C-alpha atoms as a PDB file:
ATOM      1  CA  MET A   1      29.157  -8.020 -69.555  1.00  0.00           C
ATOM      2  CA  ALA A   2      26.065  -6.073 -69.634  1.00  0.00           C
ATOM      3  CA  LEU A   3      22.912  -6.969 -67.974  1.00  0.00           C
ATOM      4  CA  THR A   4      20.182  -7.861 -70.294  1.00  0.00           C
ATOM      5  CA  ALA A   5      17.093  -5.817 -70.471  1.00  0.00           C
ATOM      6  CA  GLY A   6      13.982  -7.423 -69.297  1.00  0.00           C
ATOM      7  CA  GLU A   7      14.995  -8.656 -65.850  1.00  0.00           C
ATOM      8  CA  MET A   8      12.415  -9.667 -63.387  1.00  0.00           C
ATOM      9  CA  THR A   9      11.153  -6.862 -61.227  1.00  0.00           C
ATOM     10  CA  PRO A  10       8.853  -6.494 -58.254  1.00  0.00           C
ATOM     11  CA  THR A  11       5.774  -5.563 -60.588  1.00  0.00           C
ATOM     12  CA  THR A  12       6.365  -8.615 -62.935  1.00  0.00           C
ATOM     13  CA  LEU A  13       6.685 -10.856 -59.672  1.00  0.00           C
ATOM     14  CA  THR A  14       3.848  -9.183 -58.020  1.00  0.00           C
ATOM     15  CA  ALA A  15       1.547 -12.453 -58.093  1.00  0.00           C
ATOM     16  CA  TYR A  16       4.513 -14.176 -56.118  1.00  0.00           C
ATOM     17  CA  ILE A  17       5.425 -11.511 -53.458  1.00  0.00           C
ATOM     18  CA  THR A  18       3.188 -11.876 -50.635  1.00  0.00           C
ATOM     19  CA  GLU A  19       2.264  -9.455 -47.729  1.00  0.00           C
ATOM     20  CA  THR A  20       2.335 -10.488 -43.890  1.00  0.00           C
ATOM     21  CA  TRP A  21       0.422  -9.045 -41.159  1.00  0.00           C
ATOM     22  CA  THR A  22       2.525  -9.254 -38.075  1.00  0.00           C
ATOM     23  CA  PRO A  23       0.773 -10.296 -34.579  1.00  0.00           C
ATOM     24  CA  LYS A  24       1.900  -7.054 -33.172  1.00  0.00           C
ATOM     25  CA  THR A  25      -0.729  -4.367 -32.626  1.00  0.00           C
ATOM     26  CA  LEU A  26       0.103  -0.711 -31.768  1.00  0.00           C
ATOM     27  CA  GLU A  27      -2.448  -0.107 -28.971  1.00  0.00           C
ATOM     28  CA  GLN A  28      -3.351   3.287 -27.276  1.00  0.00           C
ATOM     29  CA  PHE A  29      -1.366   4.356 -24.206  1.00  0.00           C
ATOM     30  CA  PHE A  30      -3.264   5.460 -21.224  1.00  0.00           C
ATOM     31  CA  ALA A  31      -2.348   7.601 -18.073  1.00  0.00           C
ATOM     32  CA  LYS A  32      -2.117   5.321 -14.912  1.00  0.00           C
ATOM     33  CA  ALA A  33      -5.412   5.680 -12.612  1.00  0.00           C
ATOM     34  CA  VAL A  34      -3.469   7.606  -9.953  1.00  0.00           C
ATOM     35  CA  ALA A  35      -6.272   9.773  -8.729  1.00  0.00           C
ATOM     36  CA  ALA A  36      -8.692   6.873  -8.187  1.00  0.00           C
ATOM     37  CA  ASN A  37      -6.228   4.864  -6.299  1.00  0.00           C
ATOM     38  CA  HIS A  38      -5.442   7.688  -3.883  1.00  0.00           C
ATOM     39  CA  PHE A  39      -8.790   9.406  -3.300  1.00  0.00           C
ATOM     40  CA  LEU A  40     -11.657   8.082  -0.984  1.00  0.00           C
ATOM     41  CA  ASP A  41     -13.648   5.442  -2.642  1.00  0.00           C
ATOM     42  CA  LEU A  42     -17.222   4.742  -1.607  1.00  0.00           C
ATOM     43  CA  SER A  43     -18.021   2.154  -4.134  1.00  0.00           C
ATOM     44  CA  ALA A  44     -18.356  -0.626  -1.374  1.00  0.00           C
ATOM     45  CA  TYR A  45     -21.687   1.250  -0.366  1.00  0.00           C
ATOM     46  CA  THR A  46     -23.400   1.549  -3.673  1.00  0.00           C
ATOM     47  CA  GLY A  47     -24.298  -2.369  -4.250  1.00  0.00           C
ATOM     48  CA  GLY A  48     -27.752  -1.851  -2.095  1.00  0.00           C
ATOM     49  CA  GLY A  49     -29.058   0.790  -4.153  1.00  0.00           C
ATOM     50  CA  SER A  50     -29.654   4.537  -3.825  1.00  0.00           C
ATOM     51  CA  ASP A  51     -28.319   7.446  -5.952  1.00  0.00           C
ATOM     52  CA  ILE A  52     -27.297   9.797  -3.265  1.00  0.00           C
ATOM     53  CA  PHE A  53     -24.673   8.873  -0.411  1.00  0.00           C
ATOM     54  CA  HIS A  54     -24.102  10.770   2.716  1.00  0.00           C
ATOM     55  CA  VAL A  55     -20.725  10.856   4.814  1.00  0.00           C
ATOM     56  CA  PRO A  56     -21.305  12.623   8.021  1.00  0.00           C
ATOM     57  CA  ASP A  57     -18.527  15.304   8.660  1.00  0.00           C
ATOM     58  CA  VAL A  58     -17.609  16.847  11.937  1.00  0.00           C
ATOM     59  CA  PHE A  59     -14.425  18.361  10.611  1.00  0.00           C
ATOM     60  CA  THR A  60     -16.287  21.690  10.047  1.00  0.00           C
ATOM     61  CA  THR A  61     -17.369  21.962  13.598  1.00  0.00           C
ATOM     62  CA  ALA A  62     -15.389  22.736  16.623  1.00  0.00           C
ATOM     63  CA  PHE A  63     -15.437  21.793  20.306  1.00  0.00           C
ATOM     64  CA  THR A  64     -14.969  24.550  22.720  1.00  0.00           C
ATOM     65  CA  VAL A  65     -12.308  23.773  25.487  1.00  0.00           C
ATOM     66  CA  THR A  66     -13.435  25.030  28.963  1.00  0.00           C
ATOM     67  CA  THR A  67     -11.486  25.277  31.983  1.00  0.00           C
ATOM     68  CA  ALA A  68     -13.203  22.997  34.550  1.00  0.00           C
ATOM     69  CA  PRO A  69     -14.719  24.989  37.611  1.00  0.00           C
ATOM     70  CA  ASP A  70     -13.242  24.486  41.197  1.00  0.00           C
ATOM     71  CA  PRO A  71     -15.515  21.530  42.774  1.00  0.00           C
ATOM     72  CA  TYR A  72     -16.223  23.740  45.762  1.00  0.00           C
ATOM     73  CA  ASP A  73     -17.867  26.415  43.620  1.00  0.00           C
ATOM     74  CA  ALA A  74     -20.864  24.184  42.785  1.00  0.00           C
ATOM     75  CA  VAL A  75     -20.875  25.389  39.213  1.00  0.00           C
ATOM     76  CA  GLU A  76     -22.424  23.094  36.464  1.00  0.00           C
ATOM     77  CA  ILE A  77     -19.907  22.061  33.561  1.00  0.00           C
ATOM     78  CA  THR A  78     -20.666  23.448  30.153  1.00  0.00           C
ATOM     79  CA  THR A  79     -21.515  21.044  27.443  1.00  0.00           C
ATOM     80  CA  ASN A  80     -20.624  21.231  23.740  1.00  0.00           C
ATOM     81  CA  GLY A  81     -23.349  20.560  20.980  1.00  0.00           C
ATOM     82  CA  PRO A  82     -21.720  21.591  17.734  1.00  0.00           C
ATOM     83  CA  ALA A  83     -24.037  21.131  14.639  1.00  0.00           C
ATOM     84  CA  THR A  84     -23.296  18.228  12.407  1.00  0.00           C
ATOM     85  CA  GLY A  85     -23.328  18.145   8.614  1.00  0.00           C
ATOM     86  CA  ASP A  86     -22.672  15.802   5.697  1.00  0.00           C
ATOM     87  CA  VAL A  87     -21.082  15.485   2.415  1.00  0.00           C
ATOM     88  CA  THR A  88     -23.424  14.117  -0.202  1.00  0.00           C
ATOM     89  CA  LEU A  89     -21.972  12.062  -3.411  1.00  0.00           C
ATOM     90  CA  THR A  90     -24.396  11.690  -6.260  1.00  0.00           C
ATOM     91  CA  VAL A  91     -23.843   8.980  -8.558  1.00  0.00           C
ATOM     92  CA  ASP A  92     -25.237  10.420 -11.884  1.00  0.00           C
ATOM     93  CA  THR A  93     -22.423   9.983 -14.326  1.00  0.00           C
ATOM     94  CA  HIS A  94     -22.957   7.063 -16.957  1.00  0.00           C
ATOM     95  CA  LYS A  95     -20.620   6.836 -19.871  1.00  0.00           C
ATOM     96  CA  TYR A  96     -20.141   4.002 -22.416  1.00  0.00           C
ATOM     97  CA  ILE A  97     -18.403   2.897 -25.399  1.00  0.00           C
ATOM     98  CA  ALA A  98     -20.301   0.720 -27.954  1.00  0.00           C
ATOM     99  CA  MET A  99     -18.991  -1.511 -31.040  1.00  0.00           C
ATOM    100  CA  LEU A 100     -20.614  -3.399 -33.540  1.00  0.00           C
ATOM    101  CA  ILE A 101     -18.794  -6.224 -35.409  1.00  0.00           C
ATOM    102  CA  GLY A 102     -20.590  -8.114 -38.224  1.00  0.00           C
ATOM    103  CA  ASP A 103     -20.701 -11.913 -38.195  1.00  0.00           C
ATOM    104  CA  ARG A 104     -19.004 -11.904 -41.711  1.00  0.00           C
ATOM    105  CA  ASP A 105     -15.990  -9.566 -40.669  1.00  0.00           C
ATOM    106  CA  MET A 106     -15.583 -11.371 -37.432  1.00  0.00           C
ATOM    107  CA  VAL A 107     -15.304 -14.771 -39.407  1.00  0.00           C
ATOM    108  CA  GLN A 108     -12.785 -13.204 -41.821  1.00  0.00           C
ATOM    109  CA  ILE A 109     -10.462 -11.647 -39.172  1.00  0.00           C
ATOM    110  CA  ALA A 110      -7.185 -13.828 -39.001  1.00  0.00           C
ATOM    111  CA  LYS A 111      -7.780 -16.201 -36.242  1.00  0.00           C
ATOM    112  CA  GLY A 112      -4.657 -17.061 -34.110  1.00  0.00           C
ATOM    113  CA  THR A 113      -3.379 -13.794 -35.119  1.00  0.00           C
ATOM    114  CA  TYR A 114      -5.432 -11.058 -33.449  1.00  0.00           C
ATOM    115  CA  ASP A 115      -7.521 -11.397 -30.323  1.00  0.00           C
ATOM    116  CA  VAL A 116      -9.882  -8.267 -31.336  1.00  0.00           C
ATOM    117  CA  GLY A 117     -11.863  -8.625 -28.203  1.00  0.00           C
ATOM    118  CA  SER A 118      -9.108  -8.126 -25.929  1.00  0.00           C
ATOM    119  CA  ILE A 119      -7.699  -5.494 -27.960  1.00  0.00           C
ATOM    120  CA  TYR A 120     -10.686  -3.192 -27.918  1.00  0.00           C
ATOM    121  CA  ALA A 121     -11.508  -4.436 -24.396  1.00  0.00           C
ATOM    122  CA  ARG A 122      -8.190  -2.657 -23.190  1.00  0.00           C
ATOM    123  CA  LYS A 123      -8.868   0.191 -25.452  1.00  0.00           C
ATOM    124  CA  ALA A 124     -12.575   1.039 -24.061  1.00  0.00           C
ATOM    125  CA  GLY A 125     -11.499   0.136 -20.563  1.00  0.00           C
ATOM    126  CA  GLY A 126      -8.650   2.646 -20.486  1.00  0.00           C
ATOM    127  CA  THR A 127     -10.844   5.217 -22.268  1.00  0.00           C
ATOM    128  CA  LEU A 128     -13.503   4.963 -19.680  1.00  0.00           C
ATOM    129  CA  MET A 129     -10.965   4.950 -16.797  1.00  0.00           C
ATOM    130  CA  GLU A 130      -9.460   8.128 -17.749  1.00  0.00           C
ATOM    131  CA  ALA A 131     -12.932   9.722 -18.114  1.00  0.00           C
ATOM    132  CA  LEU A 132     -13.165   8.984 -14.229  1.00  0.00           C
ATOM    133  CA  GLU A 133      -9.792  10.047 -13.616  1.00  0.00           C
ATOM    134  CA  ALA A 134     -10.389  13.395 -15.622  1.00  0.00           C
ATOM    135  CA  ASP A 135     -13.528  14.163 -13.747  1.00  0.00           C
ATOM    136  CA  LEU A 136     -11.536  13.621 -10.355  1.00  0.00           C
ATOM    137  CA  PHE A 137      -8.797  16.183 -11.289  1.00  0.00           C
ATOM    138  CA  ALA A 138     -11.514  18.404 -12.469  1.00  0.00           C
ATOM    139  CA  LEU A 139     -12.485  18.966  -8.887  1.00  0.00           C
ATOM    140  CA  TRP A 140      -9.644  21.394  -8.545  1.00  0.00           C
ATOM    141  CA  SER A 141     -12.186  24.088  -9.317  1.00  0.00           C
ATOM    142  CA  SER A 142     -13.695  23.062  -6.026  1.00  0.00           C
ATOM    143  CA  VAL A 143     -10.488  23.785  -4.067  1.00  0.00           C
ATOM    144  CA  SER A 144     -10.751  27.502  -2.703  1.00  0.00           C
ATOM    145  CA  THR A 145      -9.342  27.315   0.787  1.00  0.00           C
ATOM    146  CA  ASN A 146      -5.785  26.708  -0.252  1.00  0.00           C
ATOM    147  CA  THR A 147      -4.656  28.248  -3.712  1.00  0.00           C
ATOM    148  CA  VAL A 148      -1.027  28.600  -4.541  1.00  0.00           C
ATOM    149  CA  GLY A 149       0.780  29.996  -7.707  1.00  0.00           C
ATOM    150  CA  ASP A 150      -0.778  31.703 -10.596  1.00  0.00           C
ATOM    151  CA  THR A 151      -1.238  31.075 -14.390  1.00  0.00           C
ATOM    152  CA  ALA A 152       1.236  33.452 -15.789  1.00  0.00           C
ATOM    153  CA  SER A 153       4.520  31.979 -14.153  1.00  0.00           C
ATOM    154  CA  VAL A 154       6.229  29.104 -13.561  1.00  0.00           C
ATOM    155  CA  ILE A 155       6.185  26.896 -10.395  1.00  0.00           C
ATOM    156  CA  THR A 156       8.770  27.910  -7.781  1.00  0.00           C
ATOM    157  CA  ASP A 157      10.408  26.071  -4.885  1.00  0.00           C
ATOM    158  CA  THR A 158       8.712  28.733  -2.625  1.00  0.00           C
ATOM    159  CA  GLU A 159       5.275  27.683  -3.990  1.00  0.00           C
ATOM    160  CA  ILE A 160       6.001  23.992  -3.272  1.00  0.00           C
ATOM    161  CA  ARG A 161       6.775  24.757   0.308  1.00  0.00           C
ATOM    162  CA  GLN A 162       3.757  27.057   0.399  1.00  0.00           C
ATOM    163  CA  SER A 163       1.623  24.259  -0.530  1.00  0.00           C
ATOM    164  CA  ILE A 164       2.860  22.053   2.094  1.00  0.00           C
ATOM    165  CA  GLU A 165       2.748  24.812   4.874  1.00  0.00           C
ATOM    166  CA  LYS A 166      -1.021  25.408   4.135  1.00  0.00           C
ATOM    167  CA  LEU A 167      -2.057  21.753   4.637  1.00  0.00           C
ATOM    168  CA  ALA A 168       0.360  21.384   7.912  1.00  0.00           C
ATOM    169  CA  SER A 169      -0.880  24.538   9.535  1.00  0.00           C
ATOM    170  CA  LEU A 170      -4.570  22.906   9.041  1.00  0.00           C
ATOM    171  CA  LYS A 171      -3.263  19.746  10.673  1.00  0.00           C
ATOM    172  CA  VAL A 172      -3.759  17.620   7.795  1.00  0.00           C
ATOM    173  CA  PRO A 173      -1.704  14.462   7.895  1.00  0.00           C
ATOM    174  CA  LEU A 174       1.110  14.637   5.677  1.00  0.00           C
ATOM    175  CA  ASN A 175       1.778  10.970   5.299  1.00  0.00           C
ATOM    176  CA  GLU A 176      -1.624  10.799   3.847  1.00  0.00           C
ATOM    177  CA  THR A 177      -1.315  13.345   1.201  1.00  0.00           C
ATOM    178  CA  ALA A 178       0.139  13.219  -2.342  1.00  0.00           C
ATOM    179  CA  TRP A 179       1.363  15.537  -5.181  1.00  0.00           C
ATOM    180  CA  PHE A 180      -0.412  15.416  -8.619  1.00  0.00           C
ATOM    181  CA  PHE A 181       1.658  17.068 -11.368  1.00  0.00           C
ATOM    182  CA  HIS A 182       0.857  17.456 -14.933  1.00  0.00           C
ATOM    183  CA  PRO A 183       4.062  16.147 -16.971  1.00  0.00           C
ATOM    184  CA  TYR A 184       4.606  19.832 -18.208  1.00  0.00           C
ATOM    185  CA  SER A 185       4.836  21.346 -14.701  1.00  0.00           C
ATOM    186  CA  TYR A 186       6.992  18.479 -13.474  1.00  0.00           C
ATOM    187  CA  TRP A 187       9.350  17.956 -16.456  1.00  0.00           C
ATOM    188  CA  ILE A 188       9.661  21.191 -18.028  1.00  0.00           C
ATOM    189  CA  GLN A 189       9.473  23.354 -14.622  1.00  0.00           C
ATOM    190  CA  ILE A 190       9.832  21.697 -11.185  1.00  0.00           C
ATOM    191  CA  VAL A 191      12.685  19.333 -12.354  1.00  0.00           C
ATOM    192  CA  GLY A 192      14.591  22.280 -13.482  1.00  0.00           C
ATOM    193  CA  ILE A 193      14.706  23.932 -10.045  1.00  0.00           C
ATOM    194  CA  GLN A 194      18.453  23.708  -8.865  1.00  0.00           C
ATOM    195  CA  LYS A 195      17.936  22.823  -5.481  1.00  0.00           C
ATOM    196  CA  TYR A 196      16.059  19.723  -6.410  1.00  0.00           C
ATOM    197  CA  TYR A 197      18.825  18.077  -8.726  1.00  0.00           C
ATOM    198  CA  ASP A 198      21.966  19.834  -7.380  1.00  0.00           C
ATOM    199  CA  ALA A 199      23.199  18.105  -4.446  1.00  0.00           C
ATOM    200  CA  SER A 200      26.126  20.587  -3.797  1.00  0.00           C
ATOM    201  CA  GLN A 201      23.235  22.783  -2.604  1.00  0.00           C
ATOM    202  CA  PHE A 202      23.147  20.554   0.603  1.00  0.00           C
ATOM    203  CA  GLY A 203      26.915  20.660   1.390  1.00  0.00           C
ATOM    204  CA  ALA A 204      29.495  17.959   1.378  1.00  0.00           C
ATOM    205  CA  GLY A 205      27.841  14.616   2.776  1.00  0.00           C
ATOM    206  CA  ALA A 206      24.617  16.481   3.625  1.00  0.00           C
ATOM    207  CA  VAL A 207      21.267  15.039   3.102  1.00  0.00           C
ATOM    208  CA  GLY A 208      18.710  17.665   1.818  1.00  0.00           C
ATOM    209  CA  VAL A 209      15.037  17.998   2.646  1.00  0.00           C
ATOM    210  CA  ASN A 210      14.296  15.972  -0.333  1.00  0.00           C
ATOM    211  CA  TYR A 211      16.137  13.187   1.226  1.00  0.00           C
ATOM    212  CA  THR A 212      18.223  12.416  -1.987  1.00  0.00           C
ATOM    213  CA  GLY A 213      18.387  15.914  -3.491  1.00  0.00           C
ATOM    214  CA  ASN A 214      16.521  14.362  -6.694  1.00  0.00           C
ATOM    215  CA  PHE A 215      13.111  13.023  -5.442  1.00  0.00           C
ATOM    216  CA  GLY A 216      14.533   9.502  -4.757  1.00  0.00           C
ATOM    217  CA  SER A 217      13.487   6.549  -6.696  1.00  0.00           C
ATOM    218  CA  GLY A 218      10.384   6.819  -8.936  1.00  0.00           C
ATOM    219  CA  ASP A 219       8.304   4.100 -10.508  1.00  0.00           C
ATOM    220  CA  PHE A 220       6.941   4.682 -13.975  1.00  0.00           C
ATOM    221  CA  ALA A 221       4.857   1.453 -13.667  1.00  0.00           C
ATOM    222  CA  ASN A 222       2.568   3.516 -11.325  1.00  0.00           C
ATOM    223  CA  ALA A 223       3.283   6.897 -12.495  1.00  0.00           C
ATOM    224  CA  SER A 224       5.394   7.691  -9.390  1.00  0.00           C
ATOM    225  CA  VAL A 225       8.157  10.217  -9.818  1.00  0.00           C
ATOM    226  CA  GLY A 226       9.486   9.767  -6.193  1.00  0.00           C
ATOM    227  CA  LYS A 227       8.785  12.002  -3.131  1.00  0.00           C
ATOM    228  CA  LEU A 228       9.021  15.856  -3.066  1.00  0.00           C
ATOM    229  CA  PHE A 229       9.579  16.897   0.600  1.00  0.00           C
ATOM    230  CA  GLY A 230       8.861  13.433   1.631  1.00  0.00           C
ATOM    231  CA  ILE A 231       5.267  13.452   0.113  1.00  0.00           C
ATOM    232  CA  GLN A 232       4.661  10.732  -2.750  1.00  0.00           C
ATOM    233  CA  ALA A 233       4.358  12.537  -6.041  1.00  0.00           C
ATOM    234  CA  PHE A 234       2.652  11.529  -9.112  1.00  0.00           C
ATOM    235  CA  GLN A 235       2.493  12.522 -12.781  1.00  0.00           C
ATOM    236  CA  SER A 236      -0.528  12.405 -14.975  1.00  0.00           C
ATOM    237  CA  ALA A 237      -1.512  13.868 -18.069  1.00  0.00           C
ATOM    238  CA  ASN A 238      -5.181  13.893 -16.857  1.00  0.00           C
ATOM    239  CA  VAL A 239      -4.306  16.766 -14.352  1.00  0.00           C
ATOM    240  CA  VAL A 240      -6.052  19.671 -15.935  1.00  0.00           C
ATOM    241  CA  ASN A 241      -4.033  21.685 -18.614  1.00  0.00           C
ATOM    242  CA  THR A 242      -6.042  24.077 -20.324  1.00  0.00           C
ATOM    243  CA  LEU A 243      -6.213  27.815 -21.324  1.00  0.00           C
ATOM    244  CA  LEU A 244      -2.558  28.390 -20.549  1.00  0.00           C
ATOM    245  CA  ALA A 245      -3.046  27.130 -17.112  1.00  0.00           C
ATOM    246  CA  VAL A 246      -1.777  24.087 -15.334  1.00  0.00           C
ATOM    247  CA  ARG A 247      -3.761  23.044 -12.033  1.00  0.00           C
ATOM    248  CA  ASN A 248      -1.819  20.611 -10.185  1.00  0.00           C
ATOM    249  CA  LEU A 249      -2.736  19.407  -6.752  1.00  0.00           C
ATOM    250  CA  LEU A 250      -1.297  18.527  -3.283  1.00  0.00           C
ATOM    251  CA  ALA A 251      -4.059  16.531  -1.686  1.00  0.00           C
ATOM    252  CA  HIS A 252      -5.115  14.421   1.191  1.00  0.00           C
ATOM    253  CA  LYS A 253      -6.929  11.112   0.485  1.00  0.00           C
ATOM    254  CA  ASP A 254     -10.201  12.363   1.801  1.00  0.00           C
ATOM    255  CA  ALA A 255     -10.279  15.711  -0.158  1.00  0.00           C
ATOM    256  CA  PHE A 256     -12.088  14.195  -3.039  1.00  0.00           C
ATOM    257  CA  ALA A 257     -14.535  11.097  -3.144  1.00  0.00           C
ATOM    258  CA  PHE A 258     -16.026   8.962  -5.680  1.00  0.00           C
ATOM    259  CA  ALA A 259     -18.022   5.879  -6.140  1.00  0.00           C
ATOM    260  CA  THR A 260     -18.704   3.469  -9.017  1.00  0.00           C
ATOM    261  CA  GLN A 261     -22.122   1.620  -9.215  1.00  0.00           C
ATOM    262  CA  LEU A 262     -22.528  -1.203 -11.511  1.00  0.00           C
ATOM    263  CA  PRO A 263     -24.184  -4.680 -11.326  1.00  0.00           C
ATOM    264  CA  GLY A 264     -21.683  -7.165  -9.749  1.00  0.00           C
ATOM    265  CA  GLY A 265     -19.374  -4.300  -8.560  1.00  0.00           C
ATOM    266  CA  GLY A 266     -16.118  -3.103 -10.481  1.00  0.00           C
ATOM    267  CA  ARG A 267     -15.455   0.196 -12.175  1.00  0.00           C
ATOM    268  CA  ILE A 268     -16.207  -1.054 -15.766  1.00  0.00           C
ATOM    269  CA  ARG A 269     -18.693  -3.384 -17.142  1.00  0.00           C
ATOM    270  CA  PHE A 270     -18.529  -5.242 -20.320  1.00  0.00           C
ATOM    271  CA  GLN A 271     -21.591  -6.737 -22.029  1.00  0.00           C
ATOM    272  CA  ALA A 272     -22.027  -8.582 -25.396  1.00  0.00           C
ATOM    273  CA  LYS A 273     -24.984  -9.937 -27.162  1.00  0.00           C
ATOM    274  CA  ASP A 274     -25.422 -11.440 -30.990  1.00  0.00           C
ATOM    275  CA  TRP A 275     -27.934  -8.930 -32.562  1.00  0.00           C
ATOM    276  CA  LEU A 276     -29.629 -11.093 -35.051  1.00  0.00           C
ATOM    277  CA  SER A 277     -31.553  -8.278 -36.831  1.00  0.00           C
ATOM    278  CA  VAL A 278     -28.118  -6.907 -38.026  1.00  0.00           C
ATOM    279  CA  LEU A 279     -26.066 -10.319 -38.168  1.00  0.00           C
ATOM    280  CA  GLY A 280     -23.532  -8.956 -35.821  1.00  0.00           C
ATOM    281  CA  THR A 281     -22.279  -8.748 -32.097  1.00  0.00           C
ATOM    282  CA  LEU A 282     -23.019  -5.742 -30.142  1.00  0.00           C
ATOM    283  CA  SER A 283     -20.286  -5.093 -27.407  1.00  0.00           C
ATOM    284  CA  VAL A 284     -20.843  -2.402 -24.864  1.00  0.00           C
ATOM    285  CA  TRP A 285     -18.443  -1.182 -22.084  1.00  0.00           C
ATOM    286  CA  ASP A 286     -19.977   1.439 -19.580  1.00  0.00           C
ATOM    287  CA  THR A 287     -19.262   2.870 -15.923  1.00  0.00           C
ATOM    288  CA  HIS A 288     -21.291   4.636 -13.895  1.00  0.00           C
ATOM    289  CA  TYR A 289     -20.190   6.938 -11.155  1.00  0.00           C
ATOM    290  CA  GLY A 290     -20.133  10.044  -9.328  1.00  0.00           C
ATOM    291  CA  VAL A 291     -17.314  12.464  -7.862  1.00  0.00           C
ATOM    292  CA  VAL A 292     -17.333  15.197  -5.225  1.00  0.00           C
ATOM    293  CA  ALA A 293     -14.980  17.335  -3.310  1.00  0.00           C
ATOM    294  CA  SER A 294     -15.477  15.960   0.026  1.00  0.00           C
ATOM    295  CA  ARG A 295     -12.968  18.038   1.931  1.00  0.00           C
ATOM    296  CA  GLN A 296     -11.580  20.791  -0.117  1.00  0.00           C
ATOM    297  CA  ALA A 297      -9.743  22.126   2.454  1.00  0.00           C
ATOM    298  CA  ALA A 298      -7.442  19.231   2.859  1.00  0.00           C
ATOM    299  CA  ALA A 299      -6.279  20.059  -0.767  1.00  0.00           C
ATOM    300  CA  VAL A 300      -4.004  22.618  -2.239  1.00  0.00           C
ATOM    301  CA  ARG A 301      -4.535  23.934  -5.936  1.00  0.00           C
ATOM    302  CA  LEU A 302      -1.096  24.708  -7.144  1.00  0.00           C
ATOM    303  CA  SER A 303      -1.254  26.598 -10.493  1.00  0.00           C
ATOM    304  CA  GLY A 304       1.322  27.322 -13.005  1.00  0.00           C
ATOM    305  CA  SER A 305       1.550  28.564 -16.432  1.00  0.00           C
ATOM    306  CA  ASN A 306       2.050  26.024 -19.425  1.00  0.00           C
ATOM    307  CA  ALA A 307       3.732  28.555 -21.539  1.00  0.00           C
ATOM    308  CA  PHE A 308       7.089  28.923 -19.581  1.00  0.00           C
ATOM    309  CA  ILE A 309      10.178  26.808 -19.175  1.00  0.00           C
ATOM    310  CA  THR A 310      12.473  26.464 -16.056  1.00  0.00           C
ATOM    311  CA  SER A 311      15.991  26.812 -17.558  1.00  0.00           C
END
């Protein structure tokens, strides 16, 4: 039996077919705050005011070890009087995100379905936190004592070990250091080095210098990718990757320093106020901070190309 012509269609039923807005919101992804969680945080000292903060240093000076004189020689001892210095951190970066939503629009947003305030708070907070992370990683350009690798080739196991040797030779406590890799360097180059993933390289039943031969257990919740030669390794897309060059770091926690300075403390402040003249609510998120390479010799700049793949 042939169907009749003139059946109901979505077009003819358009007045009855509804549309549903799901409560799911596709929010922005942000890299974890690995740099701010590792490097020296001086924020605790900013609450009393000031814009410049000093940290005395004695690591750039040296004592002279002198052989003690024979007590019968009646020779006075030689005293040390090395000059002192200090590192200065200037809190001079103020960044903000502002948003104005009209009262009429706010009333019309579906209540109980979308918490717009929380959604945009997470987005603004994540954006500002990444600004701080990016400025900390930008301090790679201050690392001049220890530089390894180049911008025209892949990162090698030799360069990884050279980086560790440089800090070990300077007596930097390796247990207080961490690797910071851009995902390209880590996933495309370093993980492709055979000795890091091939347990047979260590011999039957042997345990390699990487402890498990494959970096051990990582934790993506905090951007950890395990340990490389016993040193905690993190990945972050905020590690500088520009102009065909990736600037990875192996750094002691005192290599860089930062401080945030906001009323009431915290790294990010939120303020909102009804703005009668425009019939809306103005919301502002801001952060105020400074960064400095406080001990650049306690870090290694590990450079690599972002145009080559380790097979």
